[in-house]
Amino acid sequence: MSQLFNLPLPLDSILKINEKAMVEQENDGVAPFEAAVQAINAHDKMAEMLSNHRAYFEGIIEHAPEDTPVEVLDMYRGFVEQIDEVLNHG
């Protein structure tokens, strides 16, 4: 998978973050159900944040001046594609 914003954070790592948080919460005495709810809420917040970033980048692409270099627009299109990968596989 391509790297989200060129950070060394593959999709597997993103998905394991919630699992790790749930296990840590269980180890801290949080009930398994509550830990699962907290992990799901964290995942939902991440998905919302990524959706907001996607909309922002699409706005940049749509409203870019005509003389904007193609490489810059392609960079933002790449960001949108990477976000789509995470949202569709998450």
PDB file of N, CA and C in Angstrom:
ATOM      1  N   MET A   1       0.841  -1.181   0.000  1.00  0.00           N
ATOM      2  CA  MET A   1       0.000   0.000   0.000  1.00  0.00           C
ATOM      3  C   MET A   1       0.876   1.229   0.000  1.00  0.00           C
ATOM      4  N   SER A   2       0.430   2.250  -0.664  1.00  0.00           N
ATOM      5  CA  SER A   2       1.177   3.497  -0.633  1.00  0.00           C
ATOM      6  C   SER A   2       1.101   4.087   0.767  1.00  0.00           C
ATOM      7  N   GLN A   3       1.993   4.956   1.043  1.00  0.00           N
ATOM      8  CA  GLN A   3       2.112   5.522   2.381  1.00  0.00           C
ATOM      9  C   GLN A   3       1.233   6.762   2.511  1.00  0.00           C
ATOM     10  N   LEU A   4       0.429   6.837   3.538  1.00  0.00           N
ATOM     11  CA  LEU A   4      -0.430   7.985   3.778  1.00  0.00           C
ATOM     12  C   LEU A   4       0.428   9.204   4.058  1.00  0.00           C
ATOM     13  N   PHE A   5       0.318  10.199   3.221  1.00  0.00           N
ATOM     14  CA  PHE A   5       1.097  11.432   3.337  1.00  0.00           C
ATOM     15  C   PHE A   5       2.593  11.151   3.419  1.00  0.00           C
ATOM     16  N   ASN A   6       3.022  10.079   2.778  1.00  0.00           N
ATOM     17  CA  ASN A   6       4.431   9.682   2.744  1.00  0.00           C
ATOM     18  C   ASN A   6       5.002   9.414   4.121  1.00  0.00           C
ATOM     19  N   LEU A   7       4.172   9.051   5.063  1.00  0.00           N
ATOM     20  CA  LEU A   7       4.652   8.660   6.385  1.00  0.00           C
ATOM     21  C   LEU A   7       4.834   7.150   6.408  1.00  0.00           C
ATOM     22  N   PRO A   8       5.791   6.669   7.171  1.00  0.00           N
ATOM     23  CA  PRO A   8       6.005   5.220   7.228  1.00  0.00           C
ATOM     24  C   PRO A   8       4.970   4.542   8.125  1.00  0.00           C
ATOM     25  N   LEU A   9       3.704   4.591   7.718  1.00  0.00           N
ATOM     26  CA  LEU A   9       2.625   4.028   8.523  1.00  0.00           C
ATOM     27  C   LEU A   9       1.703   3.221   7.616  1.00  0.00           C
ATOM     28  N   PRO A  10       2.029   1.938   7.397  1.00  0.00           N
ATOM     29  CA  PRO A  10       1.192   1.126   6.518  1.00  0.00           C
ATOM     30  C   PRO A  10      -0.179   0.866   7.131  1.00  0.00           C
ATOM     31  N   LEU A  11      -1.099   0.444   6.289  1.00  0.00           N
ATOM     32  CA  LEU A  11      -2.475   0.195   6.719  1.00  0.00           C
ATOM     33  C   LEU A  11      -2.532  -0.769   7.896  1.00  0.00           C
ATOM     34  N   ASP A  12      -1.711  -1.818   7.878  1.00  0.00           N
ATOM     35  CA  ASP A  12      -1.710  -2.783   8.978  1.00  0.00           C
ATOM     36  C   ASP A  12      -1.448  -2.102  10.314  1.00  0.00           C
ATOM     37  N   SER A  13      -0.540  -1.138  10.326  1.00  0.00           N
ATOM     38  CA  SER A  13      -0.225  -0.432  11.573  1.00  0.00           C
ATOM     39  C   SER A  13      -1.407   0.396  12.045  1.00  0.00           C
ATOM     40  N   ILE A  14      -2.080   1.042  11.100  1.00  0.00           N
ATOM     41  CA  ILE A  14      -3.237   1.860  11.468  1.00  0.00           C
ATOM     42  C   ILE A  14      -4.312   0.984  12.102  1.00  0.00           C
ATOM     43  N   LEU A  15      -4.565  -0.186  11.513  1.00  0.00           N
ATOM     44  CA  LEU A  15      -5.604  -1.067  12.035  1.00  0.00           C
ATOM     45  C   LEU A  15      -5.213  -1.665  13.378  1.00  0.00           C
ATOM     46  N   LYS A  16      -3.923  -1.893  13.610  1.00  0.00           N
ATOM     47  CA  LYS A  16      -3.469  -2.475  14.870  1.00  0.00           C
ATOM     48  C   LYS A  16      -3.505  -1.472  16.015  1.00  0.00           C
ATOM     49  N   ILE A  17      -3.525  -0.182  15.706  1.00  0.00           N
ATOM     50  CA  ILE A  17      -3.563   0.839  16.752  1.00  0.00           C
ATOM     51  C   ILE A  17      -4.789   0.625  17.632  1.00  0.00           C
ATOM     52  N   ASN A  18      -5.956   0.430  17.018  1.00  0.00           N
ATOM     53  CA  ASN A  18      -7.186   0.244  17.789  1.00  0.00           C
ATOM     54  C   ASN A  18      -7.147  -1.049  18.584  1.00  0.00           C
ATOM     55  N   GLU A  19      -6.622  -2.118  17.983  1.00  0.00           N
ATOM     56  CA  GLU A  19      -6.528  -3.398  18.685  1.00  0.00           C
ATOM     57  C   GLU A  19      -5.599  -3.268  19.892  1.00  0.00           C
ATOM     58  N   LYS A  20      -4.476  -2.597  19.704  1.00  0.00           N
ATOM     59  CA  LYS A  20      -3.521  -2.409  20.798  1.00  0.00           C
ATOM     60  C   LYS A  20      -4.149  -1.576  21.914  1.00  0.00           C
ATOM     61  N   ALA A  21      -4.855  -0.518  21.544  1.00  0.00           N
ATOM     62  CA  ALA A  21      -5.503   0.332  22.543  1.00  0.00           C
ATOM     63  C   ALA A  21      -6.528  -0.463  23.336  1.00  0.00           C
ATOM     64  N   MET A  22      -7.265  -1.338  22.669  1.00  0.00           N
ATOM     65  CA  MET A  22      -8.279  -2.140  23.351  1.00  0.00           C
ATOM     66  C   MET A  22      -7.623  -3.088  24.350  1.00  0.00           C
ATOM     67  N   VAL A  23      -6.537  -3.745  23.954  1.00  0.00           N
ATOM     68  CA  VAL A  23      -5.844  -4.667  24.855  1.00  0.00           C
ATOM     69  C   VAL A  23      -5.272  -3.918  26.047  1.00  0.00           C
ATOM     70  N   GLU A  24      -4.676  -2.736  25.815  1.00  0.00           N
ATOM     71  CA  GLU A  24      -4.121  -1.946  26.919  1.00  0.00           C
ATOM     72  C   GLU A  24      -5.216  -1.538  27.895  1.00  0.00           C
ATOM     73  N   GLN A  25      -6.369  -1.158  27.378  1.00  0.00           N
ATOM     74  CA  GLN A  25      -7.468  -0.756  28.250  1.00  0.00           C
ATOM     75  C   GLN A  25      -7.968  -1.938  29.061  1.00  0.00           C
ATOM     76  N   GLU A  26      -8.033  -3.104  28.449  1.00  0.00           N
ATOM     77  CA  GLU A  26      -8.451  -4.299  29.186  1.00  0.00           C
ATOM     78  C   GLU A  26      -7.449  -4.604  30.291  1.00  0.00           C
ATOM     79  N   ASN A  27      -6.168  -4.449  29.992  1.00  0.00           N
ATOM     80  CA  ASN A  27      -5.130  -4.708  30.991  1.00  0.00           C
ATOM     81  C   ASN A  27      -5.182  -3.692  32.130  1.00  0.00           C
ATOM     82  N   ASP A  28      -5.711  -2.500  31.845  1.00  0.00           N
ATOM     83  CA  ASP A  28      -5.842  -1.466  32.878  1.00  0.00           C
ATOM     84  C   ASP A  28      -7.128  -1.625  33.679  1.00  0.00           C
ATOM     85  N   GLY A  29      -7.879  -2.686  33.439  1.00  0.00           N
ATOM     86  CA  GLY A  29      -9.088  -2.948  34.206  1.00  0.00           C
ATOM     87  C   GLY A  29     -10.367  -2.482  33.550  1.00  0.00           C
ATOM     88  N   VAL A  30     -10.291  -1.972  32.335  1.00  0.00           N
ATOM     89  CA  VAL A  30     -11.499  -1.566  31.625  1.00  0.00           C
ATOM     90  C   VAL A  30     -12.177  -2.832  31.112  1.00  0.00           C
ATOM     91  N   ALA A  31     -13.473  -2.894  31.272  1.00  0.00           N
ATOM     92  CA  ALA A  31     -14.225  -4.065  30.820  1.00  0.00           C
ATOM     93  C   ALA A  31     -14.034  -4.260  29.318  1.00  0.00           C
ATOM     94  N   PRO A  32     -13.967  -5.514  28.855  1.00  0.00           N
ATOM     95  CA  PRO A  32     -13.748  -5.763  27.427  1.00  0.00           C
ATOM     96  C   PRO A  32     -14.748  -5.048  26.519  1.00  0.00           C
ATOM     97  N   PHE A  33     -16.027  -5.026  26.914  1.00  0.00           N
ATOM     98  CA  PHE A  33     -17.016  -4.346  26.076  1.00  0.00           C
ATOM     99  C   PHE A  33     -16.718  -2.854  25.991  1.00  0.00           C
ATOM    100  N   GLU A  34     -16.419  -2.240  27.128  1.00  0.00           N
ATOM    101  CA  GLU A  34     -16.115  -0.805  27.142  1.00  0.00           C
ATOM    102  C   GLU A  34     -14.857  -0.519  26.332  1.00  0.00           C
ATOM    103  N   ALA A  35     -13.864  -1.391  26.447  1.00  0.00           N
ATOM    104  CA  ALA A  35     -12.635  -1.208  25.676  1.00  0.00           C
ATOM    105  C   ALA A  35     -12.930  -1.289  24.179  1.00  0.00           C
ATOM    106  N   ALA A  36     -13.798  -2.217  23.793  1.00  0.00           N
ATOM    107  CA  ALA A  36     -14.167  -2.344  22.380  1.00  0.00           C
ATOM    108  C   ALA A  36     -14.906  -1.101  21.904  1.00  0.00           C
ATOM    109  N   VAL A  37     -15.811  -0.583  22.726  1.00  0.00           N
ATOM    110  CA  VAL A  37     -16.551   0.633  22.371  1.00  0.00           C
ATOM    111  C   VAL A  37     -15.585   1.803  22.199  1.00  0.00           C
ATOM    112  N   GLN A  38     -14.633   1.943  23.112  1.00  0.00           N
ATOM    113  CA  GLN A  38     -13.657   3.026  23.010  1.00  0.00           C
ATOM    114  C   GLN A  38     -12.808   2.887  21.751  1.00  0.00           C
ATOM    115  N   ALA A  39     -12.420   1.663  21.411  1.00  0.00           N
ATOM    116  CA  ALA A  39     -11.625   1.442  20.203  1.00  0.00           C
ATOM    117  C   ALA A  39     -12.433   1.780  18.950  1.00  0.00           C
ATOM    118  N   ILE A  40     -13.711   1.407  18.939  1.00  0.00           N
ATOM    119  CA  ILE A  40     -14.571   1.725  17.796  1.00  0.00           C
ATOM    120  C   ILE A  40     -14.739   3.233  17.676  1.00  0.00           C
ATOM    121  N   ASN A  41     -14.938   3.914  18.799  1.00  0.00           N
ATOM    122  CA  ASN A  41     -15.074   5.372  18.771  1.00  0.00           C
ATOM    123  C   ASN A  41     -13.807   6.030  18.249  1.00  0.00           C
ATOM    124  N   ALA A  42     -12.646   5.520  18.654  1.00  0.00           N
ATOM    125  CA  ALA A  42     -11.375   6.065  18.169  1.00  0.00           C
ATOM    126  C   ALA A  42     -11.254   5.853  16.663  1.00  0.00           C
ATOM    127  N   HIS A  43     -11.668   4.693  16.191  1.00  0.00           N
ATOM    128  CA  HIS A  43     -11.629   4.399  14.754  1.00  0.00           C
ATOM    129  C   HIS A  43     -12.555   5.348  14.002  1.00  0.00           C
ATOM    130  N   ASP A  44     -13.752   5.580  14.541  1.00  0.00           N
ATOM    131  CA  ASP A  44     -14.705   6.486  13.901  1.00  0.00           C
ATOM    132  C   ASP A  44     -14.159   7.907  13.828  1.00  0.00           C
ATOM    133  N   LYS A  45     -13.494   8.355  14.894  1.00  0.00           N
ATOM    134  CA  LYS A  45     -12.901   9.699  14.893  1.00  0.00           C
ATOM    135  C   LYS A  45     -11.812   9.800  13.834  1.00  0.00           C
ATOM    136  N   MET A  46     -10.995   8.739  13.700  1.00  0.00           N
ATOM    137  CA  MET A  46      -9.947   8.744  12.694  1.00  0.00           C
ATOM    138  C   MET A  46     -10.559   8.797  11.296  1.00  0.00           C
ATOM    139  N   ALA A  47     -11.615   8.027  11.063  1.00  0.00           N
ATOM    140  CA  ALA A  47     -12.272   8.023   9.758  1.00  0.00           C
ATOM    141  C   ALA A  47     -12.864   9.396   9.449  1.00  0.00           C
ATOM    142  N   GLU A  48     -13.442  10.041  10.451  1.00  0.00           N
ATOM    143  CA  GLU A  48     -14.000  11.384  10.253  1.00  0.00           C
ATOM    144  C   GLU A  48     -12.898  12.380   9.914  1.00  0.00           C
ATOM    145  N   MET A  49     -11.779  12.299  10.627  1.00  0.00           N
ATOM    146  CA  MET A  49     -10.655  13.194  10.360  1.00  0.00           C
ATOM    147  C   MET A  49     -10.141  12.995   8.937  1.00  0.00           C
ATOM    148  N   LEU A  50      -9.991  11.742   8.525  1.00  0.00           N
ATOM    149  CA  LEU A  50      -9.511  11.467   7.173  1.00  0.00           C
ATOM    150  C   LEU A  50     -10.501  11.962   6.126  1.00  0.00           C
ATOM    151  N   SER A  51     -11.786  11.818   6.386  1.00  0.00           N
ATOM    152  CA  SER A  51     -12.804  12.318   5.456  1.00  0.00           C
ATOM    153  C   SER A  51     -12.723  13.832   5.319  1.00  0.00           C
ATOM    154  N   ASN A  52     -12.489  14.512   6.434  1.00  0.00           N
ATOM    155  CA  ASN A  52     -12.339  15.966   6.391  1.00  0.00           C
ATOM    156  C   ASN A  52     -11.108  16.369   5.586  1.00  0.00           C
ATOM    157  N   HIS A  53     -10.006  15.652   5.787  1.00  0.00           N
ATOM    158  CA  HIS A  53      -8.793  15.939   5.019  1.00  0.00           C
ATOM    159  C   HIS A  53      -9.029  15.679   3.528  1.00  0.00           C
ATOM    160  N   ARG A  54      -9.761  14.611   3.230  1.00  0.00           N
ATOM    161  CA  ARG A  54     -10.052  14.286   1.835  1.00  0.00           C
ATOM    162  C   ARG A  54     -10.829  15.430   1.178  1.00  0.00           C
ATOM    163  N   ALA A  55     -11.839  15.929   1.859  1.00  0.00           N
ATOM    164  CA  ALA A  55     -12.640  17.035   1.327  1.00  0.00           C
ATOM    165  C   ALA A  55     -11.782  18.284   1.132  1.00  0.00           C
ATOM    166  N   TYR A  56     -10.875  18.539   2.067  1.00  0.00           N
ATOM    167  CA  TYR A  56      -9.980  19.695   1.972  1.00  0.00           C
ATOM    168  C   TYR A  56      -9.095  19.572   0.731  1.00  0.00           C
ATOM    169  N   PHE A  57      -8.490  18.403   0.540  1.00  0.00           N
ATOM    170  CA  PHE A  57      -7.607  18.204  -0.607  1.00  0.00           C
ATOM    171  C   PHE A  57      -8.381  18.272  -1.921  1.00  0.00           C
ATOM    172  N   GLU A  58      -9.598  17.737  -1.946  1.00  0.00           N
ATOM    173  CA  GLU A  58     -10.416  17.836  -3.158  1.00  0.00           C
ATOM    174  C   GLU A  58     -10.735  19.295  -3.476  1.00  0.00           C
ATOM    175  N   GLY A  59     -10.975  20.095  -2.431  1.00  0.00           N
ATOM    176  CA  GLY A  59     -11.219  21.519  -2.634  1.00  0.00           C
ATOM    177  C   GLY A  59     -10.017  22.221  -3.233  1.00  0.00           C
ATOM    178  N   ILE A  60      -8.832  21.850  -2.774  1.00  0.00           N
ATOM    179  CA  ILE A  60      -7.605  22.428  -3.332  1.00  0.00           C
ATOM    180  C   ILE A  60      -7.509  22.089  -4.817  1.00  0.00           C
ATOM    181  N   ILE A  61      -7.778  20.834  -5.153  1.00  0.00           N
ATOM    182  CA  ILE A  61      -7.694  20.398  -6.552  1.00  0.00           C
ATOM    183  C   ILE A  61      -8.708  21.148  -7.409  1.00  0.00           C
ATOM    184  N   GLU A  62      -9.941  21.237  -6.932  1.00  0.00           N
ATOM    185  CA  GLU A  62     -11.014  21.859  -7.715  1.00  0.00           C
ATOM    186  C   GLU A  62     -10.825  23.360  -7.901  1.00  0.00           C
ATOM    187  N   HIS A  63     -10.242  24.023  -6.904  1.00  0.00           N
ATOM    188  CA  HIS A  63     -10.156  25.482  -6.949  1.00  0.00           C
ATOM    189  C   HIS A  63      -8.741  25.994  -7.198  1.00  0.00           C
ATOM    190  N   ALA A  64      -7.866  25.114  -7.638  1.00  0.00           N
ATOM    191  CA  ALA A  64      -6.487  25.521  -7.904  1.00  0.00           C
ATOM    192  C   ALA A  64      -6.448  26.459  -9.111  1.00  0.00           C
ATOM    193  N   PRO A  65      -5.580  27.462  -9.060  1.00  0.00           N
ATOM    194  CA  PRO A  65      -5.429  28.337 -10.227  1.00  0.00           C
ATOM    195  C   PRO A  65      -5.007  27.524 -11.458  1.00  0.00           C
ATOM    196  N   GLU A  66      -5.352  28.031 -12.626  1.00  0.00           N
ATOM    197  CA  GLU A  66      -5.057  27.305 -13.861  1.00  0.00           C
ATOM    198  C   GLU A  66      -3.569  27.075 -14.075  1.00  0.00           C
ATOM    199  N   ASP A  67      -2.731  27.937 -13.513  1.00  0.00           N
ATOM    200  CA  ASP A  67      -1.289  27.793 -13.722  1.00  0.00           C
ATOM    201  C   ASP A  67      -0.617  26.915 -12.659  1.00  0.00           C
ATOM    202  N   THR A  68      -1.412  26.220 -11.859  1.00  0.00           N
ATOM    203  CA  THR A  68      -0.858  25.317 -10.849  1.00  0.00           C
ATOM    204  C   THR A  68      -0.157  24.164 -11.560  1.00  0.00           C
ATOM    205  N   PRO A  69       1.086  23.879 -11.177  1.00  0.00           N
ATOM    206  CA  PRO A  69       1.807  22.778 -11.828  1.00  0.00           C
ATOM    207  C   PRO A  69       1.067  21.445 -11.666  1.00  0.00           C
ATOM    208  N   VAL A  70       1.091  20.653 -12.710  1.00  0.00           N
ATOM    209  CA  VAL A  70       0.431  19.349 -12.707  1.00  0.00           C
ATOM    210  C   VAL A  70       0.973  18.482 -11.576  1.00  0.00           C
ATOM    211  N   GLU A  71       2.270  18.588 -11.295  1.00  0.00           N
ATOM    212  CA  GLU A  71       2.876  17.786 -10.232  1.00  0.00           C
ATOM    213  C   GLU A  71       2.236  18.072  -8.875  1.00  0.00           C
ATOM    214  N   VAL A  72       1.896  19.322  -8.633  1.00  0.00           N
ATOM    215  CA  VAL A  72       1.268  19.698  -7.364  1.00  0.00           C
ATOM    216  C   VAL A  72      -0.136  19.098  -7.283  1.00  0.00           C
ATOM    217  N   LEU A  73      -0.889  19.225  -8.356  1.00  0.00           N
ATOM    218  CA  LEU A  73      -2.237  18.650  -8.378  1.00  0.00           C
ATOM    219  C   LEU A  73      -2.183  17.131  -8.245  1.00  0.00           C
ATOM    220  N   ASP A  74      -1.210  16.510  -8.905  1.00  0.00           N
ATOM    221  CA  ASP A  74      -1.052  15.056  -8.788  1.00  0.00           C
ATOM    222  C   ASP A  74      -0.728  14.650  -7.357  1.00  0.00           C
ATOM    223  N   MET A  75       0.037  15.476  -6.657  1.00  0.00           N
ATOM    224  CA  MET A  75       0.368  15.188  -5.263  1.00  0.00           C
ATOM    225  C   MET A  75      -0.917  15.154  -4.425  1.00  0.00           C
ATOM    226  N   TYR A  76      -1.769  16.156  -4.618  1.00  0.00           N
ATOM    227  CA  TYR A  76      -3.025  16.190  -3.867  1.00  0.00           C
ATOM    228  C   TYR A  76      -3.959  15.054  -4.283  1.00  0.00           C
ATOM    229  N   ARG A  77      -3.974  14.713  -5.566  1.00  0.00           N
ATOM    230  CA  ARG A  77      -4.770  13.556  -6.013  1.00  0.00           C
ATOM    231  C   ARG A  77      -4.260  12.279  -5.352  1.00  0.00           C
ATOM    232  N   GLY A  78      -2.949  12.174  -5.207  1.00  0.00           N
ATOM    233  CA  GLY A  78      -2.358  11.021  -4.528  1.00  0.00           C
ATOM    234  C   GLY A  78      -2.795  10.951  -3.077  1.00  0.00           C
ATOM    235  N   PHE A  79      -2.854  12.112  -2.408  1.00  0.00           N
ATOM    236  CA  PHE A  79      -3.328  12.136  -1.019  1.00  0.00           C
ATOM    237  C   PHE A  79      -4.758  11.613  -0.938  1.00  0.00           C
ATOM    238  N   VAL A  80      -5.605  12.072  -1.871  1.00  0.00           N
ATOM    239  CA  VAL A  80      -7.009  11.639  -1.886  1.00  0.00           C
ATOM    240  C   VAL A  80      -7.089  10.124  -2.101  1.00  0.00           C
ATOM    241  N   GLU A  81      -6.293   9.605  -3.029  1.00  0.00           N
ATOM    242  CA  GLU A  81      -6.295   8.157  -3.289  1.00  0.00           C
ATOM    243  C   GLU A  81      -5.840   7.374  -2.059  1.00  0.00           C
ATOM    244  N   GLN A  82      -4.822   7.877  -1.364  1.00  0.00           N
ATOM    245  CA  GLN A  82      -4.325   7.193  -0.175  1.00  0.00           C
ATOM    246  C   GLN A  82      -5.372   7.185   0.932  1.00  0.00           C
ATOM    247  N   ILE A  83      -6.060   8.301   1.090  1.00  0.00           N
ATOM    248  CA  ILE A  83      -7.121   8.367   2.097  1.00  0.00           C
ATOM    249  C   ILE A  83      -8.234   7.388   1.733  1.00  0.00           C
ATOM    250  N   ASP A  84      -8.584   7.327   0.443  1.00  0.00           N
ATOM    251  CA  ASP A  84      -9.608   6.377   0.000  1.00  0.00           C
ATOM    252  C   ASP A  84      -9.203   4.945   0.327  1.00  0.00           C
ATOM    253  N   GLU A  85      -7.920   4.618   0.130  1.00  0.00           N
ATOM    254  CA  GLU A  85      -7.440   3.266   0.456  1.00  0.00           C
ATOM    255  C   GLU A  85      -7.667   2.954   1.929  1.00  0.00           C
ATOM    256  N   VAL A  86      -7.313   3.894   2.789  1.00  0.00           N
ATOM    257  CA  VAL A  86      -7.456   3.669   4.230  1.00  0.00           C
ATOM    258  C   VAL A  86      -8.929   3.560   4.610  1.00  0.00           C
ATOM    259  N   LEU A  87      -9.748   4.456   4.097  1.00  0.00           N
ATOM    260  CA  LEU A  87     -11.171   4.440   4.448  1.00  0.00           C
ATOM    261  C   LEU A  87     -11.875   3.193   3.908  1.00  0.00           C
ATOM    262  N   ASN A  88     -11.485   2.724   2.743  1.00  0.00           N
ATOM    263  CA  ASN A  88     -12.139   1.555   2.146  1.00  0.00           C
ATOM    264  C   ASN A  88     -11.645   0.241   2.721  1.00  0.00           C
ATOM    265  N   HIS A  89     -10.463   0.235   3.339  1.00  0.00           N
ATOM    266  CA  HIS A  89      -9.931  -0.997   3.918  1.00  0.00           C
ATOM    267  C   HIS A  89     -10.062  -1.013   5.432  1.00  0.00           C
ATOM    268  N   GLY A  90     -10.384   0.122   6.002  1.00  0.00           N
ATOM    269  CA  GLY A  90     -10.475   0.219   7.451  1.00  0.00           C
ATOM    270  C   GLY A  90     -11.797  -0.212   7.930  1.00  0.00           C
TER     271      GLY A  90
END
